[in-house]
């Protein structure tokens, strides 16, 4: 799997702006890793389950994750960036 293009939803961009500077920097770093090698171990790439089963996720650290929707040709649309706890609701 090779990611051709990363697209950004309005919601993702709004979430990103609310993040602390260190999380913004980690986001940029991990998105570069994702594009180079989606299976880079620290990303912990995986599909979500339940009501979000159409989304995939990567981890930024133990607290934060990015969710995205895979599109054609493994382009991806970034949906949100937030703590893991938000997805437990």
C-alpha atoms as a PDB file:
ATOM      1  CA  UNK A   1       0.000   0.000   0.000  1.00  0.00           C
ATOM      2  CA  UNK A   2       1.364   3.372  -1.051  1.00  0.00           C
ATOM      3  CA  UNK A   3      -0.492   6.523  -0.088  1.00  0.00           C
ATOM      4  CA  UNK A   4      -0.585   8.840  -3.062  1.00  0.00           C
ATOM      5  CA  UNK A   5      -2.279  11.879  -1.555  1.00  0.00           C
ATOM      6  CA  UNK A   6      -3.335  13.033   1.901  1.00  0.00           C
ATOM      7  CA  UNK A   7      -6.456  15.194   1.947  1.00  0.00           C
ATOM      8  CA  UNK A   8      -7.715  17.184   4.922  1.00  0.00           C
ATOM      9  CA  UNK A   9     -11.333  17.500   6.039  1.00  0.00           C
ATOM     10  CA  UNK A  10     -12.518  20.793   7.488  1.00  0.00           C
ATOM     11  CA  UNK A  11     -13.039  19.019  10.829  1.00  0.00           C
ATOM     12  CA  UNK A  12      -9.473  17.721  10.852  1.00  0.00           C
ATOM     13  CA  UNK A  13      -8.051  21.183  10.188  1.00  0.00           C
ATOM     14  CA  UNK A  14     -10.190  22.641  12.984  1.00  0.00           C
ATOM     15  CA  UNK A  15      -9.033  19.891  15.381  1.00  0.00           C
ATOM     16  CA  UNK A  16      -5.416  20.408  14.350  1.00  0.00           C
ATOM     17  CA  UNK A  17      -5.542  24.121  15.182  1.00  0.00           C
ATOM     18  CA  UNK A  18      -6.775  23.287  18.714  1.00  0.00           C
ATOM     19  CA  UNK A  19      -3.892  20.926  19.433  1.00  0.00           C
ATOM     20  CA  UNK A  20      -0.848  21.884  21.505  1.00  0.00           C
ATOM     21  CA  UNK A  21       2.242  22.774  19.451  1.00  0.00           C
ATOM     22  CA  UNK A  22       3.994  19.483  20.307  1.00  0.00           C
ATOM     23  CA  UNK A  23       1.001  17.480  19.029  1.00  0.00           C
ATOM     24  CA  UNK A  24       0.896  19.550  15.839  1.00  0.00           C
ATOM     25  CA  UNK A  25       4.583  18.780  15.275  1.00  0.00           C
ATOM     26  CA  UNK A  26       4.031  15.069  15.996  1.00  0.00           C
ATOM     27  CA  UNK A  27       1.105  15.085  13.556  1.00  0.00           C
ATOM     28  CA  UNK A  28       3.277  16.441  10.748  1.00  0.00           C
ATOM     29  CA  UNK A  29       6.035  13.944  11.560  1.00  0.00           C
ATOM     30  CA  UNK A  30       3.657  10.963  11.649  1.00  0.00           C
ATOM     31  CA  UNK A  31       1.852  11.951   8.461  1.00  0.00           C
ATOM     32  CA  UNK A  32       5.223  11.956   6.691  1.00  0.00           C
ATOM     33  CA  UNK A  33       5.899   8.475   8.097  1.00  0.00           C
ATOM     34  CA  UNK A  34       2.440   7.352   7.005  1.00  0.00           C
ATOM     35  CA  UNK A  35       3.061   8.456   3.445  1.00  0.00           C
ATOM     36  CA  UNK A  36       6.512   6.827   3.346  1.00  0.00           C
ATOM     37  CA  UNK A  37       5.516   3.590   5.078  1.00  0.00           C
ATOM     38  CA  UNK A  38       1.961   3.088   6.404  1.00  0.00           C
ATOM     39  CA  UNK A  39       3.136   0.037   8.338  1.00  0.00           C
ATOM     40  CA  UNK A  40       5.787   1.907  10.313  1.00  0.00           C
ATOM     41  CA  UNK A  41       5.396   0.205  13.724  1.00  0.00           C
ATOM     42  CA  UNK A  42       4.900   3.296  15.900  1.00  0.00           C
ATOM     43  CA  UNK A  43       1.937   4.419  13.766  1.00  0.00           C
ATOM     44  CA  UNK A  44      -0.094   1.357  14.825  1.00  0.00           C
ATOM     45  CA  UNK A  45      -2.219   1.552  11.672  1.00  0.00           C
ATOM     46  CA  UNK A  46      -5.527  -0.286  12.085  1.00  0.00           C
ATOM     47  CA  UNK A  47      -9.174  -0.204  11.018  1.00  0.00           C
ATOM     48  CA  UNK A  48     -11.666   0.956  13.609  1.00  0.00           C
ATOM     49  CA  UNK A  49     -14.591  -1.181  14.759  1.00  0.00           C
ATOM     50  CA  UNK A  50     -18.240  -0.627  15.540  1.00  0.00           C
ATOM     51  CA  UNK A  51     -19.926   2.566  14.441  1.00  0.00           C
ATOM     52  CA  UNK A  52     -16.613   3.888  13.028  1.00  0.00           C
ATOM     53  CA  UNK A  53     -15.734   0.741  11.055  1.00  0.00           C
ATOM     54  CA  UNK A  54     -15.407   2.734   7.812  1.00  0.00           C
ATOM     55  CA  UNK A  55     -12.428   4.619   9.293  1.00  0.00           C
ATOM     56  CA  UNK A  56      -8.815   3.718   9.960  1.00  0.00           C
ATOM     57  CA  UNK A  57      -6.546   5.117  12.639  1.00  0.00           C
ATOM     58  CA  UNK A  58      -2.908   5.855  13.382  1.00  0.00           C
ATOM     59  CA  UNK A  59      -1.456   6.802  16.735  1.00  0.00           C
ATOM     60  CA  UNK A  60       0.538   9.933  17.430  1.00  0.00           C
ATOM     61  CA  UNK A  61       1.418   8.827  20.954  1.00  0.00           C
ATOM     62  CA  UNK A  62      -0.330   6.961  23.775  1.00  0.00           C
ATOM     63  CA  UNK A  63      -2.979   9.658  24.094  1.00  0.00           C
ATOM     64  CA  UNK A  64      -3.663  10.989  20.582  1.00  0.00           C
ATOM     65  CA  UNK A  65      -4.779   9.431  17.334  1.00  0.00           C
ATOM     66  CA  UNK A  66      -5.702  10.464  13.813  1.00  0.00           C
ATOM     67  CA  UNK A  67      -8.660   8.916  12.048  1.00  0.00           C
ATOM     68  CA  UNK A  68      -8.953   8.818   8.285  1.00  0.00           C
ATOM     69  CA  UNK A  69     -11.034   7.421   5.480  1.00  0.00           C
ATOM     70  CA  UNK A  70      -9.255   5.445   2.770  1.00  0.00           C
ATOM     71  CA  UNK A  71     -10.217   6.631  -0.705  1.00  0.00           C
ATOM     72  CA  UNK A  72      -9.501   5.250  -4.170  1.00  0.00           C
ATOM     73  CA  UNK A  73      -5.886   4.330  -4.899  1.00  0.00           C
ATOM     74  CA  UNK A  74      -5.111   4.615  -1.185  1.00  0.00           C
ATOM     75  CA  UNK A  75      -5.448   8.334  -1.116  1.00  0.00           C
ATOM     76  CA  UNK A  76      -6.707   9.198   2.344  1.00  0.00           C
ATOM     77  CA  UNK A  77      -9.005  11.820   3.825  1.00  0.00           C
ATOM     78  CA  UNK A  78      -8.032  12.869   7.346  1.00  0.00           C
ATOM     79  CA  UNK A  79     -11.155  13.063   9.485  1.00  0.00           C
ATOM     80  CA  UNK A  80     -10.089  13.948  13.029  1.00  0.00           C
ATOM     81  CA  UNK A  81      -7.257  14.248  15.491  1.00  0.00           C
ATOM     82  CA  UNK A  82      -8.037  13.868  19.160  1.00  0.00           C
ATOM     83  CA  UNK A  83      -7.434  11.774  22.241  1.00  0.00           C
ATOM     84  CA  UNK A  84      -8.376   8.102  22.215  1.00  0.00           C
ATOM     85  CA  UNK A  85     -11.055   8.735  24.847  1.00  0.00           C
ATOM     86  CA  UNK A  86     -13.268  10.681  22.425  1.00  0.00           C
ATOM     87  CA  UNK A  87     -13.898   7.474  20.451  1.00  0.00           C
ATOM     88  CA  UNK A  88     -15.099   5.579  23.510  1.00  0.00           C
ATOM     89  CA  UNK A  89     -18.312   7.645  23.684  1.00  0.00           C
END
